[in-house]
PDB file of all heavy atoms in Angstrom:
ATOM      1  N   ALA A   1     -10.116   6.060   1.744  1.00  0.00           N
ATOM      2  CA  ALA A   1     -10.453   6.213   0.327  1.00  0.00           C
ATOM      3  C   ALA A   1     -11.189   7.488   0.000  1.00  0.00           C
ATOM      4  O   ALA A   1     -10.985   8.066  -1.078  1.00  0.00           O
ATOM      5  CB  ALA A   1     -11.260   4.989  -0.130  1.00  0.00           C
ATOM      6  N   SER A   2     -12.007   7.976   0.915  1.00  0.00           N
ATOM      7  CA  SER A   2     -12.825   9.123   0.638  1.00  0.00           C
ATOM      8  C   SER A   2     -11.984  10.354   0.343  1.00  0.00           C
ATOM      9  O   SER A   2     -12.403  11.253  -0.416  1.00  0.00           O
ATOM     10  CB  SER A   2     -13.772   9.442   1.816  1.00  0.00           C
ATOM     11  OG  SER A   2     -14.685   8.383   2.009  1.00  0.00           O
ATOM     12  N   GLU A   3     -10.788  10.449   0.931  1.00  0.00           N
ATOM     13  CA  GLU A   3      -9.918  11.586   0.693  1.00  0.00           C
ATOM     14  C   GLU A   3      -8.608  11.141   0.038  1.00  0.00           C
ATOM     15  O   GLU A   3      -7.659  11.951  -0.072  1.00  0.00           O
ATOM     16  CB  GLU A   3      -9.626  12.282   1.989  1.00  0.00           C
ATOM     17  CG  GLU A   3     -10.841  12.880   2.633  1.00  0.00           C
ATOM     18  CD  GLU A   3     -10.564  13.749   3.860  1.00  0.00           C
ATOM     19  OE1 GLU A   3      -9.372  13.829   4.245  1.00  0.00           O
ATOM     20  OE2 GLU A   3     -11.501  14.349   4.404  1.00  0.00           O
ATOM     21  N   ASN A   4      -8.576   9.907  -0.421  1.00  0.00           N
ATOM     22  CA  ASN A   4      -7.383   9.364  -1.116  1.00  0.00           C
ATOM     23  C   ASN A   4      -6.125   9.593  -0.277  1.00  0.00           C
ATOM     24  O   ASN A   4      -5.086  10.025  -0.766  1.00  0.00           O
ATOM     25  CB  ASN A   4      -7.213  10.010  -2.473  1.00  0.00           C
ATOM     26  CG  ASN A   4      -6.209   9.283  -3.354  1.00  0.00           C
ATOM     27  OD1 ASN A   4      -6.064   8.073  -3.235  1.00  0.00           O
ATOM     28  ND2 ASN A   4      -5.524  10.026  -4.248  1.00  0.00           N
ATOM     29  N   LYS A   5      -6.249   9.310   1.018  1.00  0.00           N
ATOM     30  CA  LYS A   5      -5.136   9.492   1.916  1.00  0.00           C
ATOM     31  C   LYS A   5      -4.536   8.128   2.307  1.00  0.00           C
ATOM     32  O   LYS A   5      -5.278   7.234   2.742  1.00  0.00           O
ATOM     33  CB  LYS A   5      -5.594  10.228   3.194  1.00  0.00           C
ATOM     34  CG  LYS A   5      -5.962  11.662   2.954  1.00  0.00           C
ATOM     35  CD  LYS A   5      -6.341  12.373   4.264  1.00  0.00           C
ATOM     36  CE  LYS A   5      -6.685  13.844   4.060  1.00  0.00           C
ATOM     37  NZ  LYS A   5      -5.503  14.622   3.575  1.00  0.00           N
ATOM     38  N   VAL A   6      -3.247   8.036   2.208  1.00  0.00           N
ATOM     39  CA  VAL A   6      -2.520   6.833   2.572  1.00  0.00           C
ATOM     40  C   VAL A   6      -1.417   7.204   3.568  1.00  0.00           C
ATOM     41  O   VAL A   6      -0.776   8.268   3.396  1.00  0.00           O
ATOM     42  CB  VAL A   6      -1.911   6.174   1.322  1.00  0.00           C
ATOM     43  CG1 VAL A   6      -1.155   4.875   1.724  1.00  0.00           C
ATOM     44  CG2 VAL A   6      -3.009   5.824   0.308  1.00  0.00           C
ATOM     45  N   GLN A   7      -1.203   6.390   4.557  1.00  0.00           N
ATOM     46  CA  GLN A   7      -0.084   6.565   5.436  1.00  0.00           C
ATOM     47  C   GLN A   7       0.591   5.219   5.650  1.00  0.00           C
ATOM     48  O   GLN A   7      -0.040   4.161   5.565  1.00  0.00           O
ATOM     49  CB  GLN A   7      -0.524   7.142   6.818  1.00  0.00           C
ATOM     50  CG  GLN A   7      -1.440   6.281   7.585  1.00  0.00           C
ATOM     51  CD  GLN A   7      -1.770   6.890   8.979  1.00  0.00           C
ATOM     52  OE1 GLN A   7      -1.053   7.734   9.458  1.00  0.00           O
ATOM     53  NE2 GLN A   7      -2.861   6.407   9.582  1.00  0.00           N
ATOM     54  N   TYR A   8       1.884   5.270   5.891  1.00  0.00           N
ATOM     55  CA  TYR A   8       2.687   4.072   6.030  1.00  0.00           C
ATOM     56  C   TYR A   8       3.475   4.071   7.321  1.00  0.00           C
ATOM     57  O   TYR A   8       3.886   5.134   7.803  1.00  0.00           O
ATOM     58  CB  TYR A   8       3.697   3.938   4.886  1.00  0.00           C
ATOM     59  CG  TYR A   8       3.048   3.881   3.510  1.00  0.00           C
ATOM     60  CD1 TYR A   8       2.926   4.993   2.729  1.00  0.00           C
ATOM     61  CD2 TYR A   8       2.608   2.633   3.019  1.00  0.00           C
ATOM     62  CE1 TYR A   8       2.349   4.934   1.455  1.00  0.00           C
ATOM     63  CE2 TYR A   8       2.022   2.569   1.788  1.00  0.00           C
ATOM     64  CZ  TYR A   8       1.901   3.709   1.000  1.00  0.00           C
ATOM     65  OH  TYR A   8       1.356   3.633  -0.260  1.00  0.00           O
ATOM     66  N   SER A   9       3.679   2.904   7.884  1.00  0.00           N
ATOM     67  CA  SER A   9       4.664   2.757   8.909  1.00  0.00           C
ATOM     68  C   SER A   9       6.043   2.942   8.310  1.00  0.00           C
ATOM     69  O   SER A   9       6.246   2.815   7.094  1.00  0.00           O
ATOM     70  CB  SER A   9       4.558   1.384   9.559  1.00  0.00           C
ATOM     71  OG  SER A   9       3.345   1.236  10.245  1.00  0.00           O
ATOM     72  N   GLY A  10       7.023   3.287   9.177  1.00  0.00           N
ATOM     73  CA  GLY A  10       8.344   3.626   8.707  1.00  0.00           C
ATOM     74  C   GLY A  10       9.011   2.555   7.817  1.00  0.00           C
ATOM     75  O   GLY A  10       9.575   2.880   6.816  1.00  0.00           O
ATOM     76  N   PHE A  11       8.840   1.290   8.194  1.00  0.00           N
ATOM     77  CA  PHE A  11       9.512   0.264   7.433  1.00  0.00           C
ATOM     78  C   PHE A  11       8.919   0.079   6.065  1.00  0.00           C
ATOM     79  O   PHE A  11       9.581  -0.446   5.175  1.00  0.00           O
ATOM     80  CB  PHE A  11       9.449  -1.090   8.212  1.00  0.00           C
ATOM     81  CG  PHE A  11       8.078  -1.714   8.229  1.00  0.00           C
ATOM     82  CD1 PHE A  11       7.617  -2.485   7.217  1.00  0.00           C
ATOM     83  CD2 PHE A  11       7.218  -1.470   9.343  1.00  0.00           C
ATOM     84  CE1 PHE A  11       6.354  -3.095   7.256  1.00  0.00           C
ATOM     85  CE2 PHE A  11       5.999  -2.042   9.392  1.00  0.00           C
ATOM     86  CZ  PHE A  11       5.539  -2.843   8.329  1.00  0.00           C
ATOM     87  N   ALA A  12       7.692   0.517   5.888  1.00  0.00           N
ATOM     88  CA  ALA A  12       7.003   0.300   4.602  1.00  0.00           C
ATOM     89  C   ALA A  12       7.030   1.548   3.687  1.00  0.00           C
ATOM     90  O   ALA A  12       6.692   1.421   2.479  1.00  0.00           O
ATOM     91  CB  ALA A  12       5.547  -0.051   4.879  1.00  0.00           C
ATOM     92  N   LYS A  13       7.514   2.645   4.146  1.00  0.00           N
ATOM     93  CA  LYS A  13       7.336   3.928   3.470  1.00  0.00           C
ATOM     94  C   LYS A  13       7.948   3.925   2.056  1.00  0.00           C
ATOM     95  O   LYS A  13       7.335   4.446   1.122  1.00  0.00           O
ATOM     96  CB  LYS A  13       7.948   5.079   4.279  1.00  0.00           C
ATOM     97  CG  LYS A  13       7.753   6.406   3.676  1.00  0.00           C
ATOM     98  CD  LYS A  13       8.220   7.525   4.646  1.00  0.00           C
ATOM     99  CE  LYS A  13       9.673   7.402   4.947  1.00  0.00           C
ATOM    100  NZ  LYS A  13      10.123   8.508   5.826  1.00  0.00           N
ATOM    101  N   ASP A  14       9.097   3.361   1.886  1.00  0.00           N
ATOM    102  CA  ASP A  14       9.806   3.446   0.605  1.00  0.00           C
ATOM    103  C   ASP A  14       9.722   2.197  -0.267  1.00  0.00           C
ATOM    104  O   ASP A  14      10.074   2.220  -1.430  1.00  0.00           O
ATOM    105  CB  ASP A  14      11.312   3.728   0.837  1.00  0.00           C
ATOM    106  CG  ASP A  14      11.526   5.104   1.486  1.00  0.00           C
ATOM    107  OD1 ASP A  14      10.816   6.042   1.126  1.00  0.00           O
ATOM    108  OD2 ASP A  14      12.416   5.181   2.335  1.00  0.00           O
ATOM    109  N   ARG A  15       9.181   1.107   0.281  1.00  0.00           N
ATOM    110  CA  ARG A  15       9.128  -0.142  -0.436  1.00  0.00           C
ATOM    111  C   ARG A  15       7.725  -0.668  -0.707  1.00  0.00           C
ATOM    112  O   ARG A  15       7.545  -1.479  -1.630  1.00  0.00           O
ATOM    113  CB  ARG A  15       9.900  -1.215   0.309  1.00  0.00           C
ATOM    114  CG  ARG A  15      11.363  -0.958   0.430  1.00  0.00           C
ATOM    115  CD  ARG A  15      12.107  -2.190   0.978  1.00  0.00           C
ATOM    116  NE  ARG A  15      11.651  -2.512   2.345  1.00  0.00           N
ATOM    117  CZ  ARG A  15      11.040  -3.660   2.648  1.00  0.00           C
ATOM    118  NH1 ARG A  15      10.782  -4.586   1.758  1.00  0.00           N
ATOM    119  NH2 ARG A  15      10.720  -3.884   3.932  1.00  0.00           N
ATOM    120  N   PHE A  16       6.758  -0.218   0.056  1.00  0.00           N
ATOM    121  CA  PHE A  16       5.393  -0.748  -0.087  1.00  0.00           C
ATOM    122  C   PHE A  16       4.451   0.370  -0.533  1.00  0.00           C
ATOM    123  O   PHE A  16       4.636   1.536  -0.194  1.00  0.00           O
ATOM    124  CB  PHE A  16       4.879  -1.243   1.274  1.00  0.00           C
ATOM    125  CG  PHE A  16       5.577  -2.461   1.812  1.00  0.00           C
ATOM    126  CD1 PHE A  16       6.688  -2.981   1.207  1.00  0.00           C
ATOM    127  CD2 PHE A  16       5.104  -3.091   2.960  1.00  0.00           C
ATOM    128  CE1 PHE A  16       7.334  -4.120   1.700  1.00  0.00           C
ATOM    129  CE2 PHE A  16       5.724  -4.211   3.472  1.00  0.00           C
ATOM    130  CZ  PHE A  16       6.847  -4.718   2.851  1.00  0.00           C
ATOM    131  N   THR A  17       3.455  -0.011  -1.308  1.00  0.00           N
ATOM    132  CA  THR A  17       2.461   0.920  -1.794  1.00  0.00           C
ATOM    133  C   THR A  17       1.058   0.344  -1.639  1.00  0.00           C
ATOM    134  O   THR A  17       0.797  -0.776  -2.067  1.00  0.00           O
ATOM    135  CB  THR A  17       2.685   1.260  -3.269  1.00  0.00           C
ATOM    136  OG1 THR A  17       3.985   1.815  -3.473  1.00  0.00           O
ATOM    137  CG2 THR A  17       1.636   2.275  -3.774  1.00  0.00           C
ATOM    138  N   ILE A  18       0.201   1.102  -0.977  1.00  0.00           N
ATOM    139  CA  ILE A  18      -1.208   0.714  -0.830  1.00  0.00           C
ATOM    140  C   ILE A  18      -2.036   1.490  -1.840  1.00  0.00           C
ATOM    141  O   ILE A  18      -1.905   2.689  -2.016  1.00  0.00           O
ATOM    142  CB  ILE A  18      -1.670   1.024   0.603  1.00  0.00           C
ATOM    143  CG1 ILE A  18      -0.914   0.134   1.603  1.00  0.00           C
ATOM    144  CG2 ILE A  18      -3.180   0.817   0.732  1.00  0.00           C
ATOM    145  CD1 ILE A  18      -1.199   0.482   3.043  1.00  0.00           C
ATOM    146  N   SER A  19      -2.923   0.771  -2.502  1.00  0.00           N
ATOM    147  CA  SER A  19      -3.809   1.402  -3.448  1.00  0.00           C
ATOM    148  C   SER A  19      -5.194   0.738  -3.408  1.00  0.00           C
ATOM    149  O   SER A  19      -5.374  -0.337  -2.816  1.00  0.00           O
ATOM    150  CB  SER A  19      -3.235   1.311  -4.882  1.00  0.00           C
ATOM    151  OG  SER A  19      -3.077  -0.036  -5.268  1.00  0.00           O
ATOM    152  N   LEU A  20      -6.163   1.373  -4.008  1.00  0.00           N
ATOM    153  CA  LEU A  20      -7.533   0.879  -4.002  1.00  0.00           C
ATOM    154  C   LEU A  20      -8.104   0.947  -5.411  1.00  0.00           C
ATOM    155  O   LEU A  20      -7.959   1.914  -6.116  1.00  0.00           O
ATOM    156  CB  LEU A  20      -8.394   1.768  -3.079  1.00  0.00           C
ATOM    157  CG  LEU A  20      -9.878   1.372  -2.934  1.00  0.00           C
ATOM    158  CD1 LEU A  20     -10.008   0.058  -2.149  1.00  0.00           C
ATOM    159  CD2 LEU A  20     -10.659   2.502  -2.231  1.00  0.00           C
ATOM    160  N   ASP A  21      -8.775  -0.123  -5.797  1.00  0.00           N
ATOM    161  CA  ASP A  21      -9.583  -0.163  -6.993  1.00  0.00           C
ATOM    162  C   ASP A  21     -11.024  -0.283  -6.536  1.00  0.00           C
ATOM    163  O   ASP A  21     -11.519  -1.385  -6.244  1.00  0.00           O
ATOM    164  CB  ASP A  21      -9.182  -1.360  -7.863  1.00  0.00           C
ATOM    165  CG  ASP A  21      -9.868  -1.325  -9.205  1.00  0.00           C
ATOM    166  OD1 ASP A  21     -10.967  -0.768  -9.329  1.00  0.00           O
ATOM    167  OD2 ASP A  21      -9.309  -1.926 -10.169  1.00  0.00           O
ATOM    168  N   SER A  22     -11.687   0.850  -6.438  1.00  0.00           N
ATOM    169  CA  SER A  22     -13.038   0.871  -5.915  1.00  0.00           C
ATOM    170  C   SER A  22     -14.028   0.091  -6.805  1.00  0.00           C
ATOM    171  O   SER A  22     -14.976  -0.493  -6.343  1.00  0.00           O
ATOM    172  CB  SER A  22     -13.542   2.295  -5.754  1.00  0.00           C
ATOM    173  OG  SER A  22     -13.529   3.015  -6.973  1.00  0.00           O
ATOM    174  N   GLY A  23     -13.736   0.089  -8.115  1.00  0.00           N
ATOM    175  CA  GLY A  23     -14.598  -0.678  -9.019  1.00  0.00           C
ATOM    176  C   GLY A  23     -14.581  -2.151  -8.796  1.00  0.00           C
ATOM    177  O   GLY A  23     -15.561  -2.861  -9.037  1.00  0.00           O
ATOM    178  N   LYS A  24     -13.455  -2.641  -8.288  1.00  0.00           N
ATOM    179  CA  LYS A  24     -13.302  -4.035  -8.010  1.00  0.00           C
ATOM    180  C   LYS A  24     -13.413  -4.358  -6.514  1.00  0.00           C
ATOM    181  O   LYS A  24     -13.299  -5.533  -6.099  1.00  0.00           O
ATOM    182  CB  LYS A  24     -11.954  -4.550  -8.523  1.00  0.00           C
ATOM    183  CG  LYS A  24     -11.789  -4.500 -10.005  1.00  0.00           C
ATOM    184  CD  LYS A  24     -10.447  -5.081 -10.433  1.00  0.00           C
ATOM    185  CE  LYS A  24     -10.298  -5.098 -11.931  1.00  0.00           C
ATOM    186  NZ  LYS A  24      -8.999  -5.614 -12.389  1.00  0.00           N
ATOM    187  N   ASN A  25     -13.680  -3.327  -5.741  1.00  0.00           N
ATOM    188  CA  ASN A  25     -13.761  -3.499  -4.254  1.00  0.00           C
ATOM    189  C   ASN A  25     -12.551  -4.192  -3.731  1.00  0.00           C
ATOM    190  O   ASN A  25     -12.656  -5.151  -2.944  1.00  0.00           O
ATOM    191  CB  ASN A  25     -15.066  -4.220  -3.852  1.00  0.00           C
ATOM    192  CG  ASN A  25     -16.315  -3.423  -4.142  1.00  0.00           C
ATOM    193  OD1 ASN A  25     -16.328  -2.227  -3.964  1.00  0.00           O
ATOM    194  ND2 ASN A  25     -17.332  -4.093  -4.571  1.00  0.00           N
ATOM    195  N   ALA A  26     -11.413  -3.784  -4.150  1.00  0.00           N
ATOM    196  CA  ALA A  26     -10.162  -4.418  -3.783  1.00  0.00           C
ATOM    197  C   ALA A  26      -9.106  -3.403  -3.395  1.00  0.00           C
ATOM    198  O   ALA A  26      -8.920  -2.396  -4.017  1.00  0.00           O
ATOM    199  CB  ALA A  26      -9.643  -5.272  -4.926  1.00  0.00           C
ATOM    200  N   MET A  27      -8.421  -3.710  -2.281  1.00  0.00           N
ATOM    201  CA  MET A  27      -7.278  -2.943  -1.845  1.00  0.00           C
ATOM    202  C   MET A  27      -6.049  -3.776  -2.078  1.00  0.00           C
ATOM    203  O   MET A  27      -6.044  -4.984  -1.825  1.00  0.00           O
ATOM    204  CB  MET A  27      -7.394  -2.569  -0.361  1.00  0.00           C
ATOM    205  CG  MET A  27      -6.190  -1.801   0.187  1.00  0.00           C
ATOM    206  SD  MET A  27      -6.404  -1.324   1.922  1.00  0.00           S
ATOM    207  CE  MET A  27      -6.456  -2.923   2.761  1.00  0.00           C
ATOM    208  N   TYR A  28      -4.946  -3.116  -2.478  1.00  0.00           N
ATOM    209  CA  TYR A  28      -3.745  -3.839  -2.826  1.00  0.00           C
ATOM    210  C   TYR A  28      -2.580  -3.360  -1.965  1.00  0.00           C
ATOM    211  O   TYR A  28      -2.549  -2.235  -1.531  1.00  0.00           O
ATOM    212  CB  TYR A  28      -3.383  -3.612  -4.307  1.00  0.00           C
ATOM    213  CG  TYR A  28      -4.457  -4.012  -5.245  1.00  0.00           C
ATOM    214  CD1 TYR A  28      -5.250  -3.065  -5.870  1.00  0.00           C
ATOM    215  CD2 TYR A  28      -4.742  -5.348  -5.529  1.00  0.00           C
ATOM    216  CE1 TYR A  28      -6.242  -3.410  -6.767  1.00  0.00           C
ATOM    217  CE2 TYR A  28      -5.699  -5.720  -6.397  1.00  0.00           C
ATOM    218  CZ  TYR A  28      -6.488  -4.768  -7.003  1.00  0.00           C
ATOM    219  OH  TYR A  28      -7.478  -5.129  -7.903  1.00  0.00           O
ATOM    220  N   LEU A  29      -1.692  -4.255  -1.744  1.00  0.00           N
ATOM    221  CA  LEU A  29      -0.399  -3.942  -1.126  1.00  0.00           C
ATOM    222  C   LEU A  29       0.723  -4.413  -2.055  1.00  0.00           C
ATOM    223  O   LEU A  29       0.943  -5.597  -2.175  1.00  0.00           O
ATOM    224  CB  LEU A  29      -0.288  -4.619   0.242  1.00  0.00           C
ATOM    225  CG  LEU A  29       1.045  -4.378   0.951  1.00  0.00           C
ATOM    226  CD1 LEU A  29       1.239  -2.896   1.294  1.00  0.00           C
ATOM    227  CD2 LEU A  29       1.141  -5.223   2.247  1.00  0.00           C
ATOM    228  N   GLN A  30       1.347  -3.443  -2.716  1.00  0.00           N
ATOM    229  CA  GLN A  30       2.442  -3.752  -3.638  1.00  0.00           C
ATOM    230  C   GLN A  30       3.731  -3.657  -2.853  1.00  0.00           C
ATOM    231  O   GLN A  30       4.034  -2.629  -2.246  1.00  0.00           O
ATOM    232  CB  GLN A  30       2.437  -2.797  -4.819  1.00  0.00           C
ATOM    233  CG  GLN A  30       3.566  -3.053  -5.819  1.00  0.00           C
ATOM    234  CD  GLN A  30       3.390  -4.331  -6.569  1.00  0.00           C
ATOM    235  OE1 GLN A  30       2.320  -4.553  -7.201  1.00  0.00           O
ATOM    236  NE2 GLN A  30       4.340  -5.237  -6.505  1.00  0.00           N
ATOM    237  N   MET A  31       4.512  -4.729  -2.868  1.00  0.00           N
ATOM    238  CA  MET A  31       5.744  -4.762  -2.098  1.00  0.00           C
ATOM    239  C   MET A  31       6.917  -4.989  -3.014  1.00  0.00           C
ATOM    240  O   MET A  31       6.856  -5.802  -3.948  1.00  0.00           O
ATOM    241  CB  MET A  31       5.674  -5.896  -1.048  1.00  0.00           C
ATOM    242  CG  MET A  31       4.491  -5.760  -0.095  1.00  0.00           C
ATOM    243  SD  MET A  31       4.356  -7.137   1.060  1.00  0.00           S
ATOM    244  CE  MET A  31       3.795  -8.416  -0.040  1.00  0.00           C
ATOM    245  N   HIS A  32       7.995  -4.286  -2.751  1.00  0.00           N
ATOM    246  CA  HIS A  32       9.241  -4.425  -3.535  1.00  0.00           C
ATOM    247  C   HIS A  32      10.401  -4.670  -2.587  1.00  0.00           C
ATOM    248  O   HIS A  32      10.385  -4.267  -1.459  1.00  0.00           O
ATOM    249  CB  HIS A  32       9.505  -3.154  -4.367  1.00  0.00           C
ATOM    250  CG  HIS A  32       8.459  -2.827  -5.353  1.00  0.00           C
ATOM    251  ND1 HIS A  32       8.312  -3.533  -6.538  1.00  0.00           N
ATOM    252  CD2 HIS A  32       7.503  -1.863  -5.357  1.00  0.00           C
ATOM    253  CE1 HIS A  32       7.305  -3.022  -7.224  1.00  0.00           C
ATOM    254  NE2 HIS A  32       6.791  -2.053  -6.537  1.00  0.00           N
ATOM    255  N   GLY A  33      11.423  -5.316  -3.132  1.00  0.00           N
ATOM    256  CA  GLY A  33      12.657  -5.531  -2.372  1.00  0.00           C
ATOM    257  C   GLY A  33      12.413  -6.302  -1.077  1.00  0.00           C
ATOM    258  O   GLY A  33      12.932  -5.955  -0.050  1.00  0.00           O
ATOM    259  N   LEU A  34      11.656  -7.375  -1.177  1.00  0.00           N
ATOM    260  CA  LEU A  34      11.313  -8.161  -0.002  1.00  0.00           C
ATOM    261  C   LEU A  34      12.533  -8.811   0.622  1.00  0.00           C
ATOM    262  O   LEU A  34      13.454  -9.253  -0.062  1.00  0.00           O
ATOM    263  CB  LEU A  34      10.289  -9.228  -0.362  1.00  0.00           C
ATOM    264  CG  LEU A  34       8.914  -8.678  -0.712  1.00  0.00           C
ATOM    265  CD1 LEU A  34       8.042  -9.796  -1.306  1.00  0.00           C
ATOM    266  CD2 LEU A  34       8.210  -8.100   0.507  1.00  0.00           C
ATOM    267  N   THR A  35      12.514  -8.832   1.954  1.00  0.00           N
ATOM    268  CA  THR A  35      13.578  -9.455   2.711  1.00  0.00           C
ATOM    269  C   THR A  35      12.953 -10.457   3.696  1.00  0.00           C
ATOM    270  O   THR A  35      11.763 -10.441   3.908  1.00  0.00           O
ATOM    271  CB  THR A  35      14.367  -8.390   3.499  1.00  0.00           C
ATOM    272  OG1 THR A  35      13.556  -7.906   4.614  1.00  0.00           O
ATOM    273  CG2 THR A  35      14.783  -7.231   2.616  1.00  0.00           C
ATOM    274  N   PRO A  36      13.788 -11.341   4.291  1.00  0.00           N
ATOM    275  CA  PRO A  36      13.237 -12.251   5.261  1.00  0.00           C
ATOM    276  C   PRO A  36      12.497 -11.571   6.458  1.00  0.00           C
ATOM    277  O   PRO A  36      11.590 -12.182   7.002  1.00  0.00           O
ATOM    278  CB  PRO A  36      14.496 -13.004   5.771  1.00  0.00           C
ATOM    279  CG  PRO A  36      15.411 -12.995   4.587  1.00  0.00           C
ATOM    280  CD  PRO A  36      15.198 -11.652   3.952  1.00  0.00           C
ATOM    281  N   GLU A  37      12.850 -10.347   6.750  1.00  0.00           N
ATOM    282  CA  GLU A  37      12.189  -9.612   7.821  1.00  0.00           C
ATOM    283  C   GLU A  37      10.751  -9.302   7.440  1.00  0.00           C
ATOM    284  O   GLU A  37       9.967  -8.936   8.337  1.00  0.00           O
ATOM    285  CB  GLU A  37      12.941  -8.322   8.137  1.00  0.00           C
ATOM    286  CG  GLU A  37      14.257  -8.541   8.854  1.00  0.00           C
ATOM    287  CD  GLU A  37      15.356  -9.170   7.961  1.00  0.00           C
ATOM    288  OE1 GLU A  37      15.377  -8.861   6.736  1.00  0.00           O
ATOM    289  OE2 GLU A  37      16.171  -9.925   8.470  1.00  0.00           O
TER     290      GLU A  37
END
């Protein structure tokens, strides 16, 4: 968070997004196109 740097594993790079709301002390994982895997 200090440098607003995010990295993803390969499977997550195009479908998942990590974000932080520091005011709420909450980190989120937004996922799209979910599959059974």
